[in-house]
Full PDB file with SEQRES, HELIX, SHEET, SSBOND, CRYST1, ORIGX, SCALE, CONECT and MASTER records, all heavy atoms in Angstrom:
SEQRES   1 A   29  PHE GLY LYS GLU LEU ASP ASP TYR ARG SER GLU LEU PHE          
SEQRES   2 A   29  LYS LYS GLU TYR LEU PRO LYS VAL ARG PRO PHE PRO LYS          
SEQRES   3 A   29  VAL ARG GLU                                                  
HELIX    1 AA1 GLY A    2  LEU A   12  1                                  11    
HELIX    2 AA2 PHE A   13  TYR A   17  3                                   5    
HELIX    3 AA3 LEU A   18  LYS A   20  5                                   3    
CRYST1    1.000    1.000    1.000  90.00  90.00  90.00 P 1           1          
ORIGX1      1.000000  0.000000  0.000000        0.00000                         
ORIGX2      0.000000  1.000000  0.000000        0.00000                         
ORIGX3      0.000000  0.000000  1.000000        0.00000                         
SCALE1      1.000000  0.000000  0.000000        0.00000                         
SCALE2      0.000000  1.000000  0.000000        0.00000                         
SCALE3      0.000000  0.000000  1.000000        0.00000                         
ATOM      1  N   PHE A   1       0.786  -1.237   0.000  1.00  0.00           N  
ATOM      2  CA  PHE A   1       0.000   0.000   0.000  1.00  0.00           C  
ATOM      3  C   PHE A   1       0.819   1.289   0.000  1.00  0.00           C  
ATOM      4  O   PHE A   1       0.249   2.367   0.163  1.00  0.00           O  
ATOM      5  CB  PHE A   1      -0.998   0.012   1.168  1.00  0.00           C  
ATOM      6  CG  PHE A   1      -0.385  -0.087   2.546  1.00  0.00           C  
ATOM      7  CD1 PHE A   1       0.092   1.048   3.198  1.00  0.00           C  
ATOM      8  CD2 PHE A   1      -0.298  -1.308   3.185  1.00  0.00           C  
ATOM      9  CE1 PHE A   1       0.632   0.956   4.464  1.00  0.00           C  
ATOM     10  CE2 PHE A   1       0.241  -1.405   4.449  1.00  0.00           C  
ATOM     11  CZ  PHE A   1       0.715  -0.266   5.094  1.00  0.00           C  
ATOM     12  N   GLY A   2       2.108   1.208  -0.245  1.00  0.00           N  
ATOM     13  CA  GLY A   2       2.927   2.420  -0.272  1.00  0.00           C  
ATOM     14  C   GLY A   2       2.516   3.393  -1.358  1.00  0.00           C  
ATOM     15  O   GLY A   2       2.379   4.594  -1.117  1.00  0.00           O  
ATOM     16  N   LYS A   3       2.292   2.900  -2.575  1.00  0.00           N  
ATOM     17  CA  LYS A   3       1.893   3.786  -3.669  1.00  0.00           C  
ATOM     18  C   LYS A   3       0.517   4.379  -3.411  1.00  0.00           C  
ATOM     19  O   LYS A   3       0.292   5.567  -3.652  1.00  0.00           O  
ATOM     20  CB  LYS A   3       1.910   3.044  -5.006  1.00  0.00           C  
ATOM     21  CG  LYS A   3       1.497   3.961  -6.164  1.00  0.00           C  
ATOM     22  CD  LYS A   3       1.788   3.370  -7.497  1.00  0.00           C  
ATOM     23  CE  LYS A   3       1.381   4.188  -8.679  1.00  0.00           C  
ATOM     24  NZ  LYS A   3       0.913   5.530  -8.502  1.00  0.00           N  
ATOM     25  N   GLU A   4      -0.396   3.579  -2.901  1.00  0.00           N  
ATOM     26  CA  GLU A   4      -1.745   4.066  -2.582  1.00  0.00           C  
ATOM     27  C   GLU A   4      -1.674   5.198  -1.551  1.00  0.00           C  
ATOM     28  O   GLU A   4      -2.337   6.231  -1.697  1.00  0.00           O  
ATOM     29  CB  GLU A   4      -2.599   2.926  -2.047  1.00  0.00           C  
ATOM     30  CG  GLU A   4      -3.988   3.340  -1.621  1.00  0.00           C  
ATOM     31  CD  GLU A   4      -4.733   2.200  -0.935  1.00  0.00           C  
ATOM     32  OE1 GLU A   4      -4.441   1.020  -1.195  1.00  0.00           O  
ATOM     33  OE2 GLU A   4      -5.623   2.517  -0.120  1.00  0.00           O  
ATOM     34  N   LEU A   5      -0.859   5.019  -0.523  1.00  0.00           N  
ATOM     35  CA  LEU A   5      -0.697   6.051   0.500  1.00  0.00           C  
ATOM     36  C   LEU A   5      -0.071   7.308  -0.087  1.00  0.00           C  
ATOM     37  O   LEU A   5      -0.525   8.418   0.173  1.00  0.00           O  
ATOM     38  CB  LEU A   5       0.151   5.509   1.654  1.00  0.00           C  
ATOM     39  CG  LEU A   5       0.414   6.465   2.814  1.00  0.00           C  
ATOM     40  CD1 LEU A   5      -0.889   6.884   3.489  1.00  0.00           C  
ATOM     41  CD2 LEU A   5       1.357   5.799   3.826  1.00  0.00           C  
ATOM     42  N   ASP A   6       0.956   7.145  -0.911  1.00  0.00           N  
ATOM     43  CA  ASP A   6       1.615   8.280  -1.554  1.00  0.00           C  
ATOM     44  C   ASP A   6       0.642   9.030  -2.466  1.00  0.00           C  
ATOM     45  O   ASP A   6       0.569  10.259  -2.445  1.00  0.00           O  
ATOM     46  CB  ASP A   6       2.831   7.792  -2.344  1.00  0.00           C  
ATOM     47  CG  ASP A   6       3.655   8.922  -2.942  1.00  0.00           C  
ATOM     48  OD1 ASP A   6       3.635  10.047  -2.401  1.00  0.00           O  
ATOM     49  OD2 ASP A   6       4.331   8.670  -3.952  1.00  0.00           O  
ATOM     50  N   ASP A   7      -0.130   8.303  -3.266  1.00  0.00           N  
ATOM     51  CA  ASP A   7      -1.104   8.937  -4.162  1.00  0.00           C  
ATOM     52  C   ASP A   7      -2.182   9.682  -3.376  1.00  0.00           C  
ATOM     53  O   ASP A   7      -2.580  10.796  -3.732  1.00  0.00           O  
ATOM     54  CB  ASP A   7      -1.763   7.897  -5.078  1.00  0.00           C  
ATOM     55  CG  ASP A   7      -0.814   7.336  -6.121  1.00  0.00           C  
ATOM     56  OD1 ASP A   7       0.286   7.905  -6.319  1.00  0.00           O  
ATOM     57  OD2 ASP A   7      -1.169   6.291  -6.720  1.00  0.00           O  
ATOM     58  N   TYR A   8      -2.674   9.060  -2.315  1.00  0.00           N  
ATOM     59  CA  TYR A   8      -3.692   9.686  -1.467  1.00  0.00           C  
ATOM     60  C   TYR A   8      -3.153  10.989  -0.867  1.00  0.00           C  
ATOM     61  O   TYR A   8      -3.811  12.019  -0.878  1.00  0.00           O  
ATOM     62  CB  TYR A   8      -4.128   8.709  -0.374  1.00  0.00           C  
ATOM     63  CG  TYR A   8      -5.096   9.288   0.627  1.00  0.00           C  
ATOM     64  CD1 TYR A   8      -6.410   9.569   0.262  1.00  0.00           C  
ATOM     65  CD2 TYR A   8      -4.696   9.539   1.935  1.00  0.00           C  
ATOM     66  CE1 TYR A   8      -7.310  10.095   1.182  1.00  0.00           C  
ATOM     67  CE2 TYR A   8      -5.587  10.061   2.862  1.00  0.00           C  
ATOM     68  CZ  TYR A   8      -6.893  10.341   2.480  1.00  0.00           C  
ATOM     69  OH  TYR A   8      -7.769  10.869   3.392  1.00  0.00           O  
ATOM     70  N   ARG A   9      -1.922  10.943  -0.363  1.00  0.00           N  
ATOM     71  CA  ARG A   9      -1.306  12.132   0.231  1.00  0.00           C  
ATOM     72  C   ARG A   9      -1.099  13.221  -0.819  1.00  0.00           C  
ATOM     73  O   ARG A   9      -1.336  14.401  -0.563  1.00  0.00           O  
ATOM     74  CB  ARG A   9       0.039  11.750   0.874  1.00  0.00           C  
ATOM     75  CG  ARG A   9       0.556  12.727   1.898  1.00  0.00           C  
ATOM     76  CD  ARG A   9       1.276  13.940   1.424  1.00  0.00           C  
ATOM     77  NE  ARG A   9       2.113  13.785   0.276  1.00  0.00           N  
ATOM     78  CZ  ARG A   9       2.623  14.816  -0.371  1.00  0.00           C  
ATOM     79  NH1 ARG A   9       2.409  16.043   0.024  1.00  0.00           N  
ATOM     80  NH2 ARG A   9       3.359  14.625  -1.434  1.00  0.00           N  
ATOM     81  N   SER A  10      -0.707  12.857  -2.015  1.00  0.00           N  
ATOM     82  CA  SER A  10      -0.510  13.837  -3.090  1.00  0.00           C  
ATOM     83  C   SER A  10      -1.811  14.565  -3.416  1.00  0.00           C  
ATOM     84  O   SER A  10      -1.817  15.789  -3.581  1.00  0.00           O  
ATOM     85  CB  SER A  10       0.031  13.160  -4.355  1.00  0.00           C  
ATOM     86  OG  SER A  10       1.347  12.725  -4.155  1.00  0.00           O  
ATOM     87  N   GLU A  11      -2.895  13.806  -3.531  1.00  0.00           N  
ATOM     88  CA  GLU A  11      -4.194  14.438  -3.813  1.00  0.00           C  
ATOM     89  C   GLU A  11      -4.638  15.334  -2.666  1.00  0.00           C  
ATOM     90  O   GLU A  11      -5.154  16.432  -2.884  1.00  0.00           O  
ATOM     91  CB  GLU A  11      -5.248  13.374  -4.119  1.00  0.00           C  
ATOM     92  CG  GLU A  11      -5.100  12.760  -5.481  1.00  0.00           C  
ATOM     93  CD  GLU A  11      -5.117  13.790  -6.599  1.00  0.00           C  
ATOM     94  OE1 GLU A  11      -6.023  14.664  -6.627  1.00  0.00           O  
ATOM     95  OE2 GLU A  11      -4.209  13.745  -7.444  1.00  0.00           O  
ATOM     96  N   LEU A  12      -4.457  14.885  -1.449  1.00  0.00           N  
ATOM     97  CA  LEU A  12      -4.799  15.689  -0.272  1.00  0.00           C  
ATOM     98  C   LEU A  12      -4.000  16.991  -0.280  1.00  0.00           C  
ATOM     99  O   LEU A  12      -4.542  18.071  -0.052  1.00  0.00           O  
ATOM    100  CB  LEU A  12      -4.520  14.896   1.006  1.00  0.00           C  
ATOM    101  CG  LEU A  12      -4.760  15.621   2.331  1.00  0.00           C  
ATOM    102  CD1 LEU A  12      -6.239  15.906   2.525  1.00  0.00           C  
ATOM    103  CD2 LEU A  12      -4.214  14.794   3.490  1.00  0.00           C  
ATOM    104  N   PHE A  13      -2.702  16.898  -0.579  1.00  0.00           N  
ATOM    105  CA  PHE A  13      -1.863  18.091  -0.601  1.00  0.00           C  
ATOM    106  C   PHE A  13      -2.348  19.069  -1.669  1.00  0.00           C  
ATOM    107  O   PHE A  13      -2.485  20.266  -1.404  1.00  0.00           O  
ATOM    108  CB  PHE A  13      -0.389  17.738  -0.833  1.00  0.00           C  
ATOM    109  CG  PHE A  13       0.513  18.932  -0.723  1.00  0.00           C  
ATOM    110  CD1 PHE A  13       0.963  19.356   0.518  1.00  0.00           C  
ATOM    111  CD2 PHE A  13       0.877  19.662  -1.841  1.00  0.00           C  
ATOM    112  CE1 PHE A  13       1.770  20.483   0.636  1.00  0.00           C  
ATOM    113  CE2 PHE A  13       1.675  20.783  -1.736  1.00  0.00           C  
ATOM    114  CZ  PHE A  13       2.121  21.204  -0.497  1.00  0.00           C  
ATOM    115  N   LYS A  14      -2.617  18.588  -2.868  1.00  0.00           N  
ATOM    116  CA  LYS A  14      -3.053  19.458  -3.957  1.00  0.00           C  
ATOM    117  C   LYS A  14      -4.360  20.170  -3.620  1.00  0.00           C  
ATOM    118  O   LYS A  14      -4.516  21.355  -3.899  1.00  0.00           O  
ATOM    119  CB  LYS A  14      -3.219  18.668  -5.250  1.00  0.00           C  
ATOM    120  CG  LYS A  14      -1.912  18.306  -5.896  1.00  0.00           C  
ATOM    121  CD  LYS A  14      -2.137  17.468  -7.131  1.00  0.00           C  
ATOM    122  CE  LYS A  14      -0.824  16.931  -7.625  1.00  0.00           C  
ATOM    123  NZ  LYS A  14      -0.968  15.926  -8.666  1.00  0.00           N  
ATOM    124  N   LYS A  15      -5.296  19.451  -3.028  1.00  0.00           N  
ATOM    125  CA  LYS A  15      -6.611  20.024  -2.749  1.00  0.00           C  
ATOM    126  C   LYS A  15      -6.612  20.964  -1.549  1.00  0.00           C  
ATOM    127  O   LYS A  15      -7.239  22.017  -1.583  1.00  0.00           O  
ATOM    128  CB  LYS A  15      -7.630  18.907  -2.512  1.00  0.00           C  
ATOM    129  CG  LYS A  15      -7.998  18.156  -3.753  1.00  0.00           C  
ATOM    130  CD  LYS A  15      -8.971  17.037  -3.447  1.00  0.00           C  
ATOM    131  CE  LYS A  15      -9.273  16.248  -4.702  1.00  0.00           C  
ATOM    132  NZ  LYS A  15     -10.052  15.047  -4.438  1.00  0.00           N  
ATOM    133  N   GLU A  16      -5.929  20.582  -0.471  1.00  0.00           N  
ATOM    134  CA  GLU A  16      -6.076  21.327   0.774  1.00  0.00           C  
ATOM    135  C   GLU A  16      -4.861  22.155   1.187  1.00  0.00           C  
ATOM    136  O   GLU A  16      -5.003  23.116   1.941  1.00  0.00           O  
ATOM    137  CB  GLU A  16      -6.442  20.364   1.910  1.00  0.00           C  
ATOM    138  CG  GLU A  16      -7.792  19.716   1.676  1.00  0.00           C  
ATOM    139  CD  GLU A  16      -8.267  18.928   2.874  1.00  0.00           C  
ATOM    140  OE1 GLU A  16      -7.899  19.288   4.007  1.00  0.00           O  
ATOM    141  OE2 GLU A  16      -9.004  17.944   2.667  1.00  0.00           O  
ATOM    142  N   TYR A  17      -3.684  21.794   0.715  1.00  0.00           N  
ATOM    143  CA  TYR A  17      -2.480  22.469   1.199  1.00  0.00           C  
ATOM    144  C   TYR A  17      -1.831  23.375   0.163  1.00  0.00           C  
ATOM    145  O   TYR A  17      -1.261  24.411   0.519  1.00  0.00           O  
ATOM    146  CB  TYR A  17      -1.456  21.443   1.696  1.00  0.00           C  
ATOM    147  CG  TYR A  17      -1.908  20.743   2.949  1.00  0.00           C  
ATOM    148  CD1 TYR A  17      -2.659  19.576   2.889  1.00  0.00           C  
ATOM    149  CD2 TYR A  17      -1.596  21.264   4.195  1.00  0.00           C  
ATOM    150  CE1 TYR A  17      -3.083  18.941   4.042  1.00  0.00           C  
ATOM    151  CE2 TYR A  17      -2.018  20.635   5.360  1.00  0.00           C  
ATOM    152  CZ  TYR A  17      -2.758  19.483   5.271  1.00  0.00           C  
ATOM    153  OH  TYR A  17      -3.184  18.866   6.408  1.00  0.00           O  
ATOM    154  N   LEU A  18      -1.890  23.011  -1.103  1.00  0.00           N  
ATOM    155  CA  LEU A  18      -1.231  23.806  -2.142  1.00  0.00           C  
ATOM    156  C   LEU A  18      -1.674  25.270  -2.135  1.00  0.00           C  
ATOM    157  O   LEU A  18      -0.834  26.165  -2.268  1.00  0.00           O  
ATOM    158  CB  LEU A  18      -1.452  23.169  -3.514  1.00  0.00           C  
ATOM    159  CG  LEU A  18      -0.585  23.696  -4.647  1.00  0.00           C  
ATOM    160  CD1 LEU A  18       0.901  23.553  -4.348  1.00  0.00           C  
ATOM    161  CD2 LEU A  18      -0.935  22.956  -5.935  1.00  0.00           C  
ATOM    162  N   PRO A  19      -2.956  25.549  -1.911  1.00  0.00           N  
ATOM    163  CA  PRO A  19      -3.362  26.965  -1.855  1.00  0.00           C  
ATOM    164  C   PRO A  19      -2.737  27.750  -0.696  1.00  0.00           C  
ATOM    165  O   PRO A  19      -2.730  28.977  -0.720  1.00  0.00           O  
ATOM    166  CB  PRO A  19      -4.884  26.902  -1.702  1.00  0.00           C  
ATOM    167  CG  PRO A  19      -5.279  25.555  -2.202  1.00  0.00           C  
ATOM    168  CD  PRO A  19      -4.121  24.647  -1.870  1.00  0.00           C  
ATOM    169  N   LYS A  20      -2.204  27.049   0.292  1.00  0.00           N  
ATOM    170  CA  LYS A  20      -1.600  27.710   1.453  1.00  0.00           C  
ATOM    171  C   LYS A  20      -0.102  27.965   1.286  1.00  0.00           C  
ATOM    172  O   LYS A  20       0.502  28.643   2.112  1.00  0.00           O  
ATOM    173  CB  LYS A  20      -1.813  26.861   2.709  1.00  0.00           C  
ATOM    174  CG  LYS A  20      -3.264  26.647   3.066  1.00  0.00           C  
ATOM    175  CD  LYS A  20      -3.392  25.709   4.243  1.00  0.00           C  
ATOM    176  CE  LYS A  20      -4.853  25.395   4.540  1.00  0.00           C  
ATOM    177  NZ  LYS A  20      -4.993  24.443   5.643  1.00  0.00           N  
ATOM    178  N   VAL A  21       0.501  27.400   0.240  1.00  0.00           N  
ATOM    179  CA  VAL A  21       1.943  27.553   0.012  1.00  0.00           C  
ATOM    180  C   VAL A  21       2.240  29.009  -0.346  1.00  0.00           C  
ATOM    181  O   VAL A  21       1.542  29.622  -1.149  1.00  0.00           O  
ATOM    182  CB  VAL A  21       2.432  26.616  -1.108  1.00  0.00           C  
ATOM    183  CG1 VAL A  21       3.875  26.905  -1.477  1.00  0.00           C  
ATOM    184  CG2 VAL A  21       2.260  25.157  -0.702  1.00  0.00           C  
ATOM    185  N   ARG A  22       3.277  29.530   0.259  1.00  0.00           N  
ATOM    186  CA  ARG A  22       3.704  30.908   0.006  1.00  0.00           C  
ATOM    187  C   ARG A  22       5.170  30.916  -0.406  1.00  0.00           C  
ATOM    188  O   ARG A  22       5.970  30.117   0.096  1.00  0.00           O  
ATOM    189  CB  ARG A  22       3.534  31.781   1.256  1.00  0.00           C  
ATOM    190  CG  ARG A  22       2.096  31.921   1.715  1.00  0.00           C  
ATOM    191  CD  ARG A  22       1.269  32.697   0.687  1.00  0.00           C  
ATOM    192  NE  ARG A  22      -0.145  32.685   1.011  1.00  0.00           N  
ATOM    193  CZ  ARG A  22      -1.070  32.009   0.348  1.00  0.00           C  
ATOM    194  NH1 ARG A  22      -0.735  31.260  -0.665  1.00  0.00           N  
ATOM    195  NH2 ARG A  22      -2.335  32.066   0.688  1.00  0.00           N  
ATOM    196  N   PRO A  23       5.541  31.834  -1.292  1.00  0.00           N  
ATOM    197  CA  PRO A  23       6.956  31.925  -1.672  1.00  0.00           C  
ATOM    198  C   PRO A  23       7.775  32.542  -0.543  1.00  0.00           C  
ATOM    199  O   PRO A  23       7.256  33.336   0.250  1.00  0.00           O  
ATOM    200  CB  PRO A  23       6.941  32.849  -2.890  1.00  0.00           C  
ATOM    201  CG  PRO A  23       5.706  33.664  -2.732  1.00  0.00           C  
ATOM    202  CD  PRO A  23       4.706  32.794  -2.009  1.00  0.00           C  
ATOM    203  N   PHE A  24       9.036  32.148  -0.471  1.00  0.00           N  
ATOM    204  CA  PHE A  24       9.939  32.851   0.430  1.00  0.00           C  
ATOM    205  C   PHE A  24      10.131  34.258  -0.128  1.00  0.00           C  
ATOM    206  O   PHE A  24       9.969  34.484  -1.335  1.00  0.00           O  
ATOM    207  CB  PHE A  24      11.279  32.129   0.539  1.00  0.00           C  
ATOM    208  CG  PHE A  24      11.214  30.887   1.391  1.00  0.00           C  
ATOM    209  CD1 PHE A  24      11.434  29.632   0.845  1.00  0.00           C  
ATOM    210  CD2 PHE A  24      10.940  30.984   2.748  1.00  0.00           C  
ATOM    211  CE1 PHE A  24      11.381  28.493   1.632  1.00  0.00           C  
ATOM    212  CE2 PHE A  24      10.878  29.846   3.546  1.00  0.00           C  
ATOM    213  CZ  PHE A  24      11.102  28.601   2.982  1.00  0.00           C  
ATOM    214  N   PRO A  25      10.445  35.214   0.724  1.00  0.00           N  
ATOM    215  CA  PRO A  25      10.598  36.599   0.256  1.00  0.00           C  
ATOM    216  C   PRO A  25      11.672  36.738  -0.817  1.00  0.00           C  
ATOM    217  O   PRO A  25      12.727  36.110  -0.745  1.00  0.00           O  
ATOM    218  CB  PRO A  25      11.001  37.362   1.519  1.00  0.00           C  
ATOM    219  CG  PRO A  25      10.580  36.511   2.659  1.00  0.00           C  
ATOM    220  CD  PRO A  25      10.646  35.087   2.167  1.00  0.00           C  
ATOM    221  N   LYS A  26      11.369  37.546  -1.816  1.00  0.00           N  
ATOM    222  CA  LYS A  26      12.311  38.004  -2.843  1.00  0.00           C  
ATOM    223  C   LYS A  26      12.919  36.894  -3.694  1.00  0.00           C  
ATOM    224  O   LYS A  26      14.039  37.028  -4.188  1.00  0.00           O  
ATOM    225  CB  LYS A  26      13.395  38.858  -2.208  1.00  0.00           C  
ATOM    226  CG  LYS A  26      12.823  40.065  -1.468  1.00  0.00           C  
ATOM    227  CD  LYS A  26      13.911  41.005  -1.034  1.00  0.00           C  
ATOM    228  CE  LYS A  26      13.306  42.118  -0.226  1.00  0.00           C  
ATOM    229  NZ  LYS A  26      13.087  43.340  -0.906  1.00  0.00           N  
ATOM    230  N   VAL A  27      12.188  35.803  -3.895  1.00  0.00           N  
ATOM    231  CA  VAL A  27      12.700  34.715  -4.729  1.00  0.00           C  
ATOM    232  C   VAL A  27      12.900  35.194  -6.160  1.00  0.00           C  
ATOM    233  O   VAL A  27      13.953  34.998  -6.755  1.00  0.00           O  
ATOM    234  CB  VAL A  27      11.761  33.489  -4.689  1.00  0.00           C  
ATOM    235  CG1 VAL A  27      12.166  32.458  -5.731  1.00  0.00           C  
ATOM    236  CG2 VAL A  27      11.755  32.870  -3.301  1.00  0.00           C  
ATOM    237  N   ARG A  28      11.877  35.828  -6.721  1.00  0.00           N  
ATOM    238  CA  ARG A  28      12.005  36.304  -8.104  1.00  0.00           C  
ATOM    239  C   ARG A  28      13.152  37.301  -8.224  1.00  0.00           C  
ATOM    240  O   ARG A  28      13.920  37.256  -9.184  1.00  0.00           O  
ATOM    241  CB  ARG A  28      10.701  36.928  -8.587  1.00  0.00           C  
ATOM    242  CG  ARG A  28      10.788  37.368 -10.044  1.00  0.00           C  
ATOM    243  CD  ARG A  28       9.438  37.571 -10.683  1.00  0.00           C  
ATOM    244  NE  ARG A  28       9.412  38.185 -11.976  1.00  0.00           N  
ATOM    245  CZ  ARG A  28      10.093  37.841 -13.051  1.00  0.00           C  
ATOM    246  NH1 ARG A  28      10.942  36.860 -13.017  1.00  0.00           N  
ATOM    247  NH2 ARG A  28       9.963  38.477 -14.193  1.00  0.00           N  
ATOM    248  N   GLU A  29      13.293  38.192  -7.252  1.00  0.00           N  
ATOM    249  CA  GLU A  29      14.376  39.179  -7.284  1.00  0.00           C  
ATOM    250  C   GLU A  29      15.740  38.486  -7.247  1.00  0.00           C  
ATOM    251  O   GLU A  29      16.680  38.916  -7.914  1.00  0.00           O  
ATOM    252  CB  GLU A  29      14.257  40.160  -6.120  1.00  0.00           C  
ATOM    253  CG  GLU A  29      13.085  41.112  -6.233  1.00  0.00           C  
ATOM    254  CD  GLU A  29      11.777  40.569  -5.652  1.00  0.00           C  
ATOM    255  OE1 GLU A  29      11.653  39.328  -5.444  1.00  0.00           O  
ATOM    256  OE2 GLU A  29      10.862  41.367  -5.420  1.00  0.00           O  
TER     257      GLU A  29                                                      
MASTER        0    0    0    3    0    0    0    6  256    1    0    3          
END                                                                             
């Protein structure tokens, strides 16, 4: 079940956590 767990976590991250990700200051600069 390792792949199943990894896939489940990936979907959870995309749906609930990705919108919360913020860039570190001045990355583009």
